[in-house]
Amino acid sequence: MAENQVDLEALVAALDAQRKAKGLSWRQVAKEGAVSPSTLTRMQQGKLPDVNTFGALVQWLRIPAERFMLKGQQVHRKSPNPVAVASTLLRGKREISPQAAKALEELVQAAFKLAKELK
């Protein structure tokens, strides 16, 4: 059975993208995400969050937790999940409606899926 693991680099990249899109400091992200600032620092240093912290952060990002999960052989991948990062950037844009952001997110997912199939 394949083991699932959090894609920490993608999660931190998504948090950073949302932070920048909203013009927030890391302390403000911690406050809005209901986690401690030291937790975010530890995550940036490579420490995995506990399940409650992970849940709070993906809820703050408004991105499904599954986007930050690696399965089996993907666990050793080093680069962040580009779909999760793109999704965060789209959701952080105030000039894009939630419906438009969702449609663009689905388009990005479809493009990456097709690219993977053509590989």
PDB file of N, CA and C in Angstrom:
ATOM      1  N   MET A   1       0.840  -1.189   0.000  1.00  0.00           N
ATOM      2  CA  MET A   1       0.000   0.000   0.000  1.00  0.00           C
ATOM      3  C   MET A   1       0.882   1.248   0.000  1.00  0.00           C
ATOM      4  N   ALA A   2       0.584   2.202  -0.860  1.00  0.00           N
ATOM      5  CA  ALA A   2       1.392   3.419  -0.980  1.00  0.00           C
ATOM      6  C   ALA A   2       1.179   4.321   0.223  1.00  0.00           C
ATOM      7  N   GLU A   3       2.248   4.929   0.658  1.00  0.00           N
ATOM      8  CA  GLU A   3       2.195   5.852   1.791  1.00  0.00           C
ATOM      9  C   GLU A   3       1.977   7.271   1.275  1.00  0.00           C
ATOM     10  N   ASN A   4       1.086   8.010   1.933  1.00  0.00           N
ATOM     11  CA  ASN A   4       0.844   9.405   1.573  1.00  0.00           C
ATOM     12  C   ASN A   4       1.668  10.307   2.462  1.00  0.00           C
ATOM     13  N   GLN A   5       2.122  11.393   1.908  1.00  0.00           N
ATOM     14  CA  GLN A   5       2.896  12.365   2.669  1.00  0.00           C
ATOM     15  C   GLN A   5       2.565  13.759   2.162  1.00  0.00           C
ATOM     16  N   VAL A   6       2.650  14.724   3.054  1.00  0.00           N
ATOM     17  CA  VAL A   6       2.399  16.115   2.687  1.00  0.00           C
ATOM     18  C   VAL A   6       3.539  16.628   1.816  1.00  0.00           C
ATOM     19  N   ASP A   7       3.178  17.291   0.729  1.00  0.00           N
ATOM     20  CA  ASP A   7       4.158  17.964  -0.131  1.00  0.00           C
ATOM     21  C   ASP A   7       4.446  19.314   0.534  1.00  0.00           C
ATOM     22  N   LEU A   8       5.373  19.302   1.458  1.00  0.00           N
ATOM     23  CA  LEU A   8       5.667  20.480   2.272  1.00  0.00           C
ATOM     24  C   LEU A   8       6.111  21.664   1.421  1.00  0.00           C
ATOM     25  N   GLU A   9       6.931  21.414   0.416  1.00  0.00           N
ATOM     26  CA  GLU A   9       7.402  22.518  -0.425  1.00  0.00           C
ATOM     27  C   GLU A   9       6.247  23.185  -1.162  1.00  0.00           C
ATOM     28  N   ALA A  10       5.297  22.387  -1.649  1.00  0.00           N
ATOM     29  CA  ALA A  10       4.136  22.958  -2.330  1.00  0.00           C
ATOM     30  C   ALA A  10       3.264  23.739  -1.355  1.00  0.00           C
ATOM     31  N   LEU A  11       3.100  23.219  -0.147  1.00  0.00           N
ATOM     32  CA  LEU A  11       2.291  23.906   0.855  1.00  0.00           C
ATOM     33  C   LEU A  11       2.912  25.246   1.234  1.00  0.00           C
ATOM     34  N   VAL A  12       4.197  25.260   1.494  1.00  0.00           N
ATOM     35  CA  VAL A  12       4.881  26.508   1.850  1.00  0.00           C
ATOM     36  C   VAL A  12       4.849  27.484   0.671  1.00  0.00           C
ATOM     37  N   ALA A  13       5.041  26.975  -0.547  1.00  0.00           N
ATOM     38  CA  ALA A  13       4.982  27.848  -1.732  1.00  0.00           C
ATOM     39  C   ALA A  13       3.588  28.445  -1.901  1.00  0.00           C
ATOM     40  N   ALA A  14       2.554  27.646  -1.666  1.00  0.00           N
ATOM     41  CA  ALA A  14       1.181  28.139  -1.773  1.00  0.00           C
ATOM     42  C   ALA A  14       0.905  29.187  -0.699  1.00  0.00           C
ATOM     43  N   LEU A  15       1.367  28.946   0.518  1.00  0.00           N
ATOM     44  CA  LEU A  15       1.196  29.923   1.587  1.00  0.00           C
ATOM     45  C   LEU A  15       1.912  31.225   1.245  1.00  0.00           C
ATOM     46  N   ASP A  16       3.129  31.109   0.728  1.00  0.00           N
ATOM     47  CA  ASP A  16       3.898  32.299   0.377  1.00  0.00           C
ATOM     48  C   ASP A  16       3.237  33.070  -0.761  1.00  0.00           C
ATOM     49  N   ALA A  17       2.713  32.351  -1.753  1.00  0.00           N
ATOM     50  CA  ALA A  17       2.036  33.011  -2.870  1.00  0.00           C
ATOM     51  C   ALA A  17       0.788  33.746  -2.383  1.00  0.00           C
ATOM     52  N   GLN A  18       0.028  33.109  -1.508  1.00  0.00           N
ATOM     53  CA  GLN A  18      -1.174  33.752  -0.968  1.00  0.00           C
ATOM     54  C   GLN A  18      -0.794  34.939  -0.086  1.00  0.00           C
ATOM     55  N   ARG A  19       0.267  34.770   0.684  1.00  0.00           N
ATOM     56  CA  ARG A  19       0.755  35.849   1.553  1.00  0.00           C
ATOM     57  C   ARG A  19       1.108  37.073   0.713  1.00  0.00           C
ATOM     58  N   LYS A  20       1.852  36.852  -0.352  1.00  0.00           N
ATOM     59  CA  LYS A  20       2.259  37.958  -1.223  1.00  0.00           C
ATOM     60  C   LYS A  20       1.059  38.568  -1.938  1.00  0.00           C
ATOM     61  N   ALA A  21       0.142  37.719  -2.404  1.00  0.00           N
ATOM     62  CA  ALA A  21      -1.036  38.224  -3.114  1.00  0.00           C
ATOM     63  C   ALA A  21      -1.900  39.106  -2.217  1.00  0.00           C
ATOM     64  N   LYS A  22      -1.935  38.780  -0.927  1.00  0.00           N
ATOM     65  CA  LYS A  22      -2.745  39.559   0.017  1.00  0.00           C
ATOM     66  C   LYS A  22      -1.941  40.674   0.693  1.00  0.00           C
ATOM     67  N   GLY A  23      -0.638  40.731   0.439  1.00  0.00           N
ATOM     68  CA  GLY A  23       0.197  41.757   1.058  1.00  0.00           C
ATOM     69  C   GLY A  23       0.347  41.575   2.557  1.00  0.00           C
ATOM     70  N   LEU A  24       0.478  40.325   3.006  1.00  0.00           N
ATOM     71  CA  LEU A  24       0.559  40.019   4.436  1.00  0.00           C
ATOM     72  C   LEU A  24       1.984  39.664   4.853  1.00  0.00           C
ATOM     73  N   SER A  25       2.252  39.831   6.119  1.00  0.00           N
ATOM     74  CA  SER A  25       3.498  39.325   6.701  1.00  0.00           C
ATOM     75  C   SER A  25       3.254  37.867   7.108  1.00  0.00           C
ATOM     76  N   TRP A  26       4.336  37.148   7.403  1.00  0.00           N
ATOM     77  CA  TRP A  26       4.174  35.769   7.869  1.00  0.00           C
ATOM     78  C   TRP A  26       3.424  35.737   9.205  1.00  0.00           C
ATOM     79  N   ARG A  27       3.624  36.724  10.043  1.00  0.00           N
ATOM     80  CA  ARG A  27       2.884  36.787  11.312  1.00  0.00           C
ATOM     81  C   ARG A  27       1.389  36.936  11.071  1.00  0.00           C
ATOM     82  N   GLN A  28       1.033  37.738  10.081  1.00  0.00           N
ATOM     83  CA  GLN A  28      -0.385  37.916   9.755  1.00  0.00           C
ATOM     84  C   GLN A  28      -0.975  36.621   9.182  1.00  0.00           C
ATOM     85  N   VAL A  29      -0.186  35.907   8.387  1.00  0.00           N
ATOM     86  CA  VAL A  29      -0.639  34.610   7.860  1.00  0.00           C
ATOM     87  C   VAL A  29      -0.912  33.669   9.030  1.00  0.00           C
ATOM     88  N   ALA A  30       0.007  33.635   9.980  1.00  0.00           N
ATOM     89  CA  ALA A  30      -0.165  32.770  11.147  1.00  0.00           C
ATOM     90  C   ALA A  30      -1.448  33.126  11.891  1.00  0.00           C
ATOM     91  N   LYS A  31      -1.670  34.419  12.099  1.00  0.00           N
ATOM     92  CA  LYS A  31      -2.864  34.852  12.826  1.00  0.00           C
ATOM     93  C   LYS A  31      -4.133  34.472  12.068  1.00  0.00           C
ATOM     94  N   GLU A  32      -4.181  34.784  10.771  1.00  0.00           N
ATOM     95  CA  GLU A  32      -5.360  34.467   9.967  1.00  0.00           C
ATOM     96  C   GLU A  32      -5.570  32.957   9.831  1.00  0.00           C
ATOM     97  N   GLY A  33      -4.471  32.214   9.790  1.00  0.00           N
ATOM     98  CA  GLY A  33      -4.552  30.763   9.650  1.00  0.00           C
ATOM     99  C   GLY A  33      -4.724  30.027  10.965  1.00  0.00           C
ATOM    100  N   ALA A  34      -4.743  30.775  12.066  1.00  0.00           N
ATOM    101  CA  ALA A  34      -4.926  30.204  13.410  1.00  0.00           C
ATOM    102  C   ALA A  34      -3.826  29.212  13.784  1.00  0.00           C
ATOM    103  N   VAL A  35      -2.586  29.565  13.419  1.00  0.00           N
ATOM    104  CA  VAL A  35      -1.423  28.768  13.811  1.00  0.00           C
ATOM    105  C   VAL A  35      -0.382  29.713  14.396  1.00  0.00           C
ATOM    106  N   SER A  36       0.625  29.162  15.033  1.00  0.00           N
ATOM    107  CA  SER A  36       1.656  30.024  15.617  1.00  0.00           C
ATOM    108  C   SER A  36       2.682  30.415  14.552  1.00  0.00           C
ATOM    109  N   PRO A  37       3.253  31.613  14.683  1.00  0.00           N
ATOM    110  CA  PRO A  37       4.303  32.015  13.736  1.00  0.00           C
ATOM    111  C   PRO A  37       5.483  31.035  13.732  1.00  0.00           C
ATOM    112  N   SER A  38       5.808  30.478  14.890  1.00  0.00           N
ATOM    113  CA  SER A  38       6.932  29.537  14.952  1.00  0.00           C
ATOM    114  C   SER A  38       6.642  28.267  14.157  1.00  0.00           C
ATOM    115  N   THR A  39       5.383  27.889  14.070  1.00  0.00           N
ATOM    116  CA  THR A  39       5.014  26.731  13.252  1.00  0.00           C
ATOM    117  C   THR A  39       5.338  26.983  11.794  1.00  0.00           C
ATOM    118  N   LEU A  40       5.008  28.177  11.302  1.00  0.00           N
ATOM    119  CA  LEU A  40       5.320  28.515   9.911  1.00  0.00           C
ATOM    120  C   LEU A  40       6.826  28.548   9.678  1.00  0.00           C
ATOM    121  N   THR A  41       7.569  29.052  10.643  1.00  0.00           N
ATOM    122  CA  THR A  41       9.032  29.062  10.537  1.00  0.00           C
ATOM    123  C   THR A  41       9.565  27.641  10.452  1.00  0.00           C
ATOM    124  N   ARG A  42       9.067  26.751  11.315  1.00  0.00           N
ATOM    125  CA  ARG A  42       9.520  25.353  11.285  1.00  0.00           C
ATOM    126  C   ARG A  42       9.184  24.695   9.943  1.00  0.00           C
ATOM    127  N   MET A  43       8.020  25.018   9.403  1.00  0.00           N
ATOM    128  CA  MET A  43       7.650  24.452   8.105  1.00  0.00           C
ATOM    129  C   MET A  43       8.608  24.935   7.017  1.00  0.00           C
ATOM    130  N   GLN A  44       8.988  26.211   7.072  1.00  0.00           N
ATOM    131  CA  GLN A  44       9.934  26.749   6.090  1.00  0.00           C
ATOM    132  C   GLN A  44      11.303  26.094   6.232  1.00  0.00           C
ATOM    133  N   GLN A  45      11.575  25.550   7.390  1.00  0.00           N
ATOM    134  CA  GLN A  45      12.844  24.859   7.638  1.00  0.00           C
ATOM    135  C   GLN A  45      12.749  23.363   7.334  1.00  0.00           C
ATOM    136  N   GLY A  46      11.588  22.917   6.831  1.00  0.00           N
ATOM    137  CA  GLY A  46      11.456  21.529   6.414  1.00  0.00           C
ATOM    138  C   GLY A  46      10.714  20.611   7.366  1.00  0.00           C
ATOM    139  N   LYS A  47      10.139  21.136   8.432  1.00  0.00           N
ATOM    140  CA  LYS A  47       9.401  20.316   9.395  1.00  0.00           C
ATOM    141  C   LYS A  47       7.943  20.204   8.968  1.00  0.00           C
ATOM    142  N   LEU A  48       7.427  18.998   8.971  1.00  0.00           N
ATOM    143  CA  LEU A  48       6.035  18.781   8.590  1.00  0.00           C
ATOM    144  C   LEU A  48       5.086  19.287   9.676  1.00  0.00           C
ATOM    145  N   PRO A  49       3.953  19.872   9.287  1.00  0.00           N
ATOM    146  CA  PRO A  49       2.971  20.317  10.276  1.00  0.00           C
ATOM    147  C   PRO A  49       2.180  19.125  10.818  1.00  0.00           C
ATOM    148  N   ASP A  50       1.602  19.285  12.007  1.00  0.00           N
ATOM    149  CA  ASP A  50       0.715  18.237  12.495  1.00  0.00           C
ATOM    150  C   ASP A  50      -0.597  18.333  11.723  1.00  0.00           C
ATOM    151  N   VAL A  51      -1.459  17.357  11.903  1.00  0.00           N
ATOM    152  CA  VAL A  51      -2.683  17.278  11.113  1.00  0.00           C
ATOM    153  C   VAL A  51      -3.605  18.480  11.354  1.00  0.00           C
ATOM    154  N   ASN A  52      -3.680  18.985  12.579  1.00  0.00           N
ATOM    155  CA  ASN A  52      -4.531  20.140  12.867  1.00  0.00           C
ATOM    156  C   ASN A  52      -4.010  21.402  12.177  1.00  0.00           C
ATOM    157  N   THR A  53      -2.702  21.589  12.200  1.00  0.00           N
ATOM    158  CA  THR A  53      -2.091  22.738  11.538  1.00  0.00           C
ATOM    159  C   THR A  53      -2.294  22.638  10.032  1.00  0.00           C
ATOM    160  N   PHE A  54      -2.053  21.456   9.491  1.00  0.00           N
ATOM    161  CA  PHE A  54      -2.248  21.241   8.058  1.00  0.00           C
ATOM    162  C   PHE A  54      -3.683  21.581   7.663  1.00  0.00           C
ATOM    163  N   GLY A  55      -4.645  21.092   8.436  1.00  0.00           N
ATOM    164  CA  GLY A  55      -6.054  21.368   8.162  1.00  0.00           C
ATOM    165  C   GLY A  55      -6.378  22.849   8.218  1.00  0.00           C
ATOM    166  N   ALA A  56      -5.848  23.535   9.217  1.00  0.00           N
ATOM    167  CA  ALA A  56      -6.105  24.972   9.367  1.00  0.00           C
ATOM    168  C   ALA A  56      -5.520  25.751   8.187  1.00  0.00           C
ATOM    169  N   LEU A  57      -4.341  25.363   7.749  1.00  0.00           N
ATOM    170  CA  LEU A  57      -3.681  26.096   6.667  1.00  0.00           C
ATOM    171  C   LEU A  57      -4.342  25.859   5.313  1.00  0.00           C
ATOM    172  N   VAL A  58      -4.736  24.629   5.018  1.00  0.00           N
ATOM    173  CA  VAL A  58      -5.398  24.401   3.733  1.00  0.00           C
ATOM    174  C   VAL A  58      -6.787  25.051   3.731  1.00  0.00           C
ATOM    175  N   GLN A  59      -7.408  25.132   4.906  1.00  0.00           N
ATOM    176  CA  GLN A  59      -8.690  25.844   4.995  1.00  0.00           C
ATOM    177  C   GLN A  59      -8.470  27.336   4.726  1.00  0.00           C
ATOM    178  N   TRP A  60      -7.398  27.904   5.292  1.00  0.00           N
ATOM    179  CA  TRP A  60      -7.090  29.311   5.056  1.00  0.00           C
ATOM    180  C   TRP A  60      -6.798  29.562   3.569  1.00  0.00           C
ATOM    181  N   LEU A  61      -6.095  28.619   2.961  1.00  0.00           N
ATOM    182  CA  LEU A  61      -5.774  28.741   1.534  1.00  0.00           C
ATOM    183  C   LEU A  61      -7.001  28.514   0.649  1.00  0.00           C
ATOM    184  N   ARG A  62      -8.008  27.829   1.174  1.00  0.00           N
ATOM    185  CA  ARG A  62      -9.200  27.437   0.409  1.00  0.00           C
ATOM    186  C   ARG A  62      -8.823  26.530  -0.766  1.00  0.00           C
ATOM    187  N   ILE A  63      -7.917  25.599  -0.472  1.00  0.00           N
ATOM    188  CA  ILE A  63      -7.478  24.615  -1.461  1.00  0.00           C
ATOM    189  C   ILE A  63      -7.658  23.238  -0.831  1.00  0.00           C
ATOM    190  N   PRO A  64      -8.202  22.282  -1.574  1.00  0.00           N
ATOM    191  CA  PRO A  64      -8.380  20.934  -1.014  1.00  0.00           C
ATOM    192  C   PRO A  64      -7.044  20.344  -0.548  1.00  0.00           C
ATOM    193  N   ALA A  65      -7.089  19.678   0.596  1.00  0.00           N
ATOM    194  CA  ALA A  65      -5.884  19.077   1.179  1.00  0.00           C
ATOM    195  C   ALA A  65      -5.211  18.098   0.219  1.00  0.00           C
ATOM    196  N   GLU A  66      -6.005  17.434  -0.611  1.00  0.00           N
ATOM    197  CA  GLU A  66      -5.458  16.430  -1.535  1.00  0.00           C
ATOM    198  C   GLU A  66      -4.427  17.019  -2.479  1.00  0.00           C
ATOM    199  N   ARG A  67      -4.513  18.314  -2.745  1.00  0.00           N
ATOM    200  CA  ARG A  67      -3.561  18.961  -3.655  1.00  0.00           C
ATOM    201  C   ARG A  67      -2.147  18.958  -3.084  1.00  0.00           C
ATOM    202  N   PHE A  68      -2.054  18.787  -1.774  1.00  0.00           N
ATOM    203  CA  PHE A  68      -0.742  18.835  -1.130  1.00  0.00           C
ATOM    204  C   PHE A  68      -0.281  17.459  -0.664  1.00  0.00           C
ATOM    205  N   MET A  69      -0.879  16.426  -1.225  1.00  0.00           N
ATOM    206  CA  MET A  69      -0.502  15.080  -0.825  1.00  0.00           C
ATOM    207  C   MET A  69       0.309  14.407  -1.930  1.00  0.00           C
ATOM    208  N   LEU A  70       1.378  13.750  -1.528  1.00  0.00           N
ATOM    209  CA  LEU A  70       2.192  12.943  -2.435  1.00  0.00           C
ATOM    210  C   LEU A  70       1.852  11.491  -2.174  1.00  0.00           C
ATOM    211  N   LYS A  71       1.889  10.686  -3.201  1.00  0.00           N
ATOM    212  CA  LYS A  71       1.581   9.269  -3.054  1.00  0.00           C
ATOM    213  C   LYS A  71       2.774   8.437  -3.497  1.00  0.00           C
ATOM    214  N   GLY A  72       3.084   7.408  -2.738  1.00  0.00           N
ATOM    215  CA  GLY A  72       4.105   6.430  -3.102  1.00  0.00           C
ATOM    216  C   GLY A  72       5.417   7.004  -3.561  1.00  0.00           C
ATOM    217  N   GLN A  73       5.772   6.731  -4.832  1.00  0.00           N
ATOM    218  CA  GLN A  73       7.073   7.132  -5.360  1.00  0.00           C
ATOM    219  C   GLN A  73       7.235   8.631  -5.495  1.00  0.00           C
ATOM    220  N   GLN A  74       6.146   9.403  -5.457  1.00  0.00           N
ATOM    221  CA  GLN A  74       6.248  10.856  -5.552  1.00  0.00           C
ATOM    222  C   GLN A  74       6.808  11.470  -4.275  1.00  0.00           C
ATOM    223  N   VAL A  75       6.847  10.724  -3.199  1.00  0.00           N
ATOM    224  CA  VAL A  75       7.236  11.262  -1.895  1.00  0.00           C
ATOM    225  C   VAL A  75       8.596  11.929  -1.942  1.00  0.00           C
ATOM    226  N   HIS A  76       9.476  11.492  -2.794  1.00  0.00           N
ATOM    227  CA  HIS A  76      10.830  12.050  -2.828  1.00  0.00           C
ATOM    228  C   HIS A  76      10.986  13.204  -3.821  1.00  0.00           C
ATOM    229  N   ARG A  77       9.892  13.639  -4.428  1.00  0.00           N
ATOM    230  CA  ARG A  77       9.934  14.750  -5.381  1.00  0.00           C
ATOM    231  C   ARG A  77      10.332  16.034  -4.656  1.00  0.00           C
ATOM    232  N   LYS A  78      11.161  16.853  -5.284  1.00  0.00           N
ATOM    233  CA  LYS A  78      11.685  18.052  -4.634  1.00  0.00           C
ATOM    234  C   LYS A  78      10.939  19.333  -4.996  1.00  0.00           C
ATOM    235  N   SER A  79      10.408  19.459  -6.213  1.00  0.00           N
ATOM    236  CA  SER A  79       9.792  20.720  -6.617  1.00  0.00           C
ATOM    237  C   SER A  79       8.336  20.790  -6.157  1.00  0.00           C
ATOM    238  N   PRO A  80       7.840  21.994  -5.853  1.00  0.00           N
ATOM    239  CA  PRO A  80       6.462  22.143  -5.409  1.00  0.00           C
ATOM    240  C   PRO A  80       5.472  21.752  -6.508  1.00  0.00           C
ATOM    241  N   ASN A  81       4.293  21.345  -6.102  1.00  0.00           N
ATOM    242  CA  ASN A  81       3.239  20.991  -7.032  1.00  0.00           C
ATOM    243  C   ASN A  81       2.790  22.256  -7.762  1.00  0.00           C
ATOM    244  N   PRO A  82       3.029  22.352  -9.073  1.00  0.00           N
ATOM    245  CA  PRO A  82       2.704  23.589  -9.793  1.00  0.00           C
ATOM    246  C   PRO A  82       1.211  23.886  -9.822  1.00  0.00           C
ATOM    247  N   VAL A  83       0.373  22.867  -9.805  1.00  0.00           N
ATOM    248  CA  VAL A  83      -1.071  23.091  -9.813  1.00  0.00           C
ATOM    249  C   VAL A  83      -1.505  23.745  -8.501  1.00  0.00           C
ATOM    250  N   ALA A  84      -0.947  23.297  -7.382  1.00  0.00           N
ATOM    251  CA  ALA A  84      -1.291  23.893  -6.091  1.00  0.00           C
ATOM    252  C   ALA A  84      -0.835  25.350  -6.021  1.00  0.00           C
ATOM    253  N   VAL A  85       0.343  25.626  -6.546  1.00  0.00           N
ATOM    254  CA  VAL A  85       0.853  27.000  -6.540  1.00  0.00           C
ATOM    255  C   VAL A  85      -0.004  27.887  -7.445  1.00  0.00           C
ATOM    256  N   ALA A  86      -0.335  27.394  -8.647  1.00  0.00           N
ATOM    257  CA  ALA A  86      -1.176  28.173  -9.563  1.00  0.00           C
ATOM    258  C   ALA A  86      -2.550  28.421  -8.958  1.00  0.00           C
ATOM    259  N   SER A  87      -3.098  27.411  -8.312  1.00  0.00           N
ATOM    260  CA  SER A  87      -4.405  27.548  -7.672  1.00  0.00           C
ATOM    261  C   SER A  87      -4.380  28.634  -6.604  1.00  0.00           C
ATOM    262  N   THR A  88      -3.336  28.649  -5.815  1.00  0.00           N
ATOM    263  CA  THR A  88      -3.208  29.665  -4.769  1.00  0.00           C
ATOM    264  C   THR A  88      -3.119  31.059  -5.366  1.00  0.00           C
ATOM    265  N   LEU A  89      -2.328  31.196  -6.412  1.00  0.00           N
ATOM    266  CA  LEU A  89      -2.192  32.502  -7.052  1.00  0.00           C
ATOM    267  C   LEU A  89      -3.521  32.982  -7.621  1.00  0.00           C
ATOM    268  N   LEU A  90      -4.258  32.079  -8.248  1.00  0.00           N
ATOM    269  CA  LEU A  90      -5.548  32.458  -8.820  1.00  0.00           C
ATOM    270  C   LEU A  90      -6.536  32.879  -7.743  1.00  0.00           C
ATOM    271  N   ARG A  91      -6.573  32.141  -6.645  1.00  0.00           N
ATOM    272  CA  ARG A  91      -7.510  32.457  -5.564  1.00  0.00           C
ATOM    273  C   ARG A  91      -7.123  33.746  -4.833  1.00  0.00           C
ATOM    274  N   GLY A  92      -5.861  34.130  -4.913  1.00  0.00           N
ATOM    275  CA  GLY A  92      -5.413  35.339  -4.238  1.00  0.00           C
ATOM    276  C   GLY A  92      -5.676  36.613  -5.022  1.00  0.00           C
ATOM    277  N   LYS A  93      -6.041  36.485  -6.274  1.00  0.00           N
ATOM    278  CA  LYS A  93      -6.298  37.659  -7.111  1.00  0.00           C
ATOM    279  C   LYS A  93      -7.692  38.197  -6.824  1.00  0.00           C
ATOM    280  N   ARG A  94      -7.759  39.382  -6.298  1.00  0.00           N
ATOM    281  CA  ARG A  94      -9.054  39.967  -5.935  1.00  0.00           C
ATOM    282  C   ARG A  94      -9.879  40.352  -7.151  1.00  0.00           C
ATOM    283  N   GLU A  95      -9.208  40.626  -8.273  1.00  0.00           N
ATOM    284  CA  GLU A  95      -9.937  41.051  -9.461  1.00  0.00           C
ATOM    285  C   GLU A  95     -10.571  39.885 -10.226  1.00  0.00           C
ATOM    286  N   ILE A  96     -10.324  38.661  -9.795  1.00  0.00           N
ATOM    287  CA  ILE A  96     -10.902  37.475 -10.424  1.00  0.00           C
ATOM    288  C   ILE A  96     -11.995  36.933  -9.505  1.00  0.00           C
ATOM    289  N   SER A  97     -13.168  36.705 -10.057  1.00  0.00           N
ATOM    290  CA  SER A  97     -14.269  36.166  -9.257  1.00  0.00           C
ATOM    291  C   SER A  97     -13.939  34.733  -8.837  1.00  0.00           C
ATOM    292  N   PRO A  98     -14.534  34.259  -7.744  1.00  0.00           N
ATOM    293  CA  PRO A  98     -14.301  32.868  -7.326  1.00  0.00           C
ATOM    294  C   PRO A  98     -14.655  31.859  -8.425  1.00  0.00           C
ATOM    295  N   GLN A  99     -15.715  32.148  -9.177  1.00  0.00           N
ATOM    296  CA  GLN A  99     -16.116  31.237 -10.254  1.00  0.00           C
ATOM    297  C   GLN A  99     -15.061  31.215 -11.369  1.00  0.00           C
ATOM    298  N   ALA A 100     -14.540  32.377 -11.717  1.00  0.00           N
ATOM    299  CA  ALA A 100     -13.501  32.453 -12.751  1.00  0.00           C
ATOM    300  C   ALA A 100     -12.223  31.777 -12.267  1.00  0.00           C
ATOM    301  N   ALA A 101     -11.862  31.988 -11.000  1.00  0.00           N
ATOM    302  CA  ALA A 101     -10.666  31.349 -10.448  1.00  0.00           C
ATOM    303  C   ALA A 101     -10.803  29.833 -10.493  1.00  0.00           C
ATOM    304  N   LYS A 102     -11.991  29.332 -10.157  1.00  0.00           N
ATOM    305  CA  LYS A 102     -12.216  27.885 -10.191  1.00  0.00           C
ATOM    306  C   LYS A 102     -12.104  27.358 -11.616  1.00  0.00           C
ATOM    307  N   ALA A 103     -12.695  28.074 -12.568  1.00  0.00           N
ATOM    308  CA  ALA A 103     -12.620  27.650 -13.972  1.00  0.00           C
ATOM    309  C   ALA A 103     -11.176  27.640 -14.467  1.00  0.00           C
ATOM    310  N   LEU A 104     -10.410  28.674 -14.128  1.00  0.00           N
ATOM    311  CA  LEU A 104      -9.002  28.725 -14.534  1.00  0.00           C
ATOM    312  C   LEU A 104      -8.198  27.617 -13.864  1.00  0.00           C
ATOM    313  N   GLU A 105      -8.507  27.343 -12.601  1.00  0.00           N
ATOM    314  CA  GLU A 105      -7.831  26.271 -11.871  1.00  0.00           C
ATOM    315  C   GLU A 105      -8.087  24.926 -12.562  1.00  0.00           C
ATOM    316  N   GLU A 106      -9.333  24.682 -12.975  1.00  0.00           N
ATOM    317  CA  GLU A 106      -9.660  23.439 -13.668  1.00  0.00           C
ATOM    318  C   GLU A 106      -8.934  23.354 -15.007  1.00  0.00           C
ATOM    319  N   LEU A 107      -8.800  24.484 -15.667  1.00  0.00           N
ATOM    320  CA  LEU A 107      -8.076  24.530 -16.935  1.00  0.00           C
ATOM    321  C   LEU A 107      -6.595  24.182 -16.726  1.00  0.00           C
ATOM    322  N   VAL A 108      -5.992  24.744 -15.692  1.00  0.00           N
ATOM    323  CA  VAL A 108      -4.585  24.448 -15.384  1.00  0.00           C
ATOM    324  C   VAL A 108      -4.427  22.969 -15.051  1.00  0.00           C
ATOM    325  N   GLN A 109      -5.343  22.423 -14.251  1.00  0.00           N
ATOM    326  CA  GLN A 109      -5.284  20.994 -13.916  1.00  0.00           C
ATOM    327  C   GLN A 109      -5.358  20.130 -15.170  1.00  0.00           C
ATOM    328  N   ALA A 110      -6.284  20.466 -16.062  1.00  0.00           N
ATOM    329  CA  ALA A 110      -6.444  19.693 -17.298  1.00  0.00           C
ATOM    330  C   ALA A 110      -5.186  19.773 -18.158  1.00  0.00           C
ATOM    331  N   ALA A 111      -4.589  20.953 -18.225  1.00  0.00           N
ATOM    332  CA  ALA A 111      -3.369  21.125 -19.019  1.00  0.00           C
ATOM    333  C   ALA A 111      -2.221  20.290 -18.458  1.00  0.00           C
ATOM    334  N   PHE A 112      -2.064  20.288 -17.142  1.00  0.00           N
ATOM    335  CA  PHE A 112      -0.992  19.495 -16.537  1.00  0.00           C
ATOM    336  C   PHE A 112      -1.252  18.001 -16.700  1.00  0.00           C
ATOM    337  N   LYS A 113      -2.519  17.606 -16.604  1.00  0.00           N
ATOM    338  CA  LYS A 113      -2.857  16.195 -16.792  1.00  0.00           C
ATOM    339  C   LYS A 113      -2.531  15.757 -18.213  1.00  0.00           C
ATOM    340  N   LEU A 114      -2.902  16.581 -19.189  1.00  0.00           N
ATOM    341  CA  LEU A 114      -2.606  16.263 -20.583  1.00  0.00           C
ATOM    342  C   LEU A 114      -1.101  16.216 -20.836  1.00  0.00           C
ATOM    343  N   ALA A 115      -0.382  17.174 -20.282  1.00  0.00           N
ATOM    344  CA  ALA A 115       1.071  17.201 -20.456  1.00  0.00           C
ATOM    345  C   ALA A 115       1.709  15.950 -19.875  1.00  0.00           C
ATOM    346  N   LYS A 116       1.200  15.501 -18.753  1.00  0.00           N
ATOM    347  CA  LYS A 116       1.728  14.292 -18.111  1.00  0.00           C
ATOM    348  C   LYS A 116       1.446  13.067 -18.966  1.00  0.00           C
ATOM    349  N   GLU A 117       0.252  13.020 -19.563  1.00  0.00           N
ATOM    350  CA  GLU A 117      -0.130  11.884 -20.420  1.00  0.00           C
ATOM    351  C   GLU A 117       0.706  11.853 -21.698  1.00  0.00           C
ATOM    352  N   LEU A 118       1.057  13.022 -22.222  1.00  0.00           N
ATOM    353  CA  LEU A 118       1.817  13.095 -23.466  1.00  0.00           C
ATOM    354  C   LEU A 118       3.306  12.822 -23.267  1.00  0.00           C
ATOM    355  N   LYS A 119       3.741  12.850 -22.038  1.00  0.00           N
ATOM    356  CA  LYS A 119       5.148  12.676 -21.705  1.00  0.00           C
ATOM    357  C   LYS A 119       5.696  11.358 -22.113  1.00  0.00           C
TER     358      LYS A 119
END
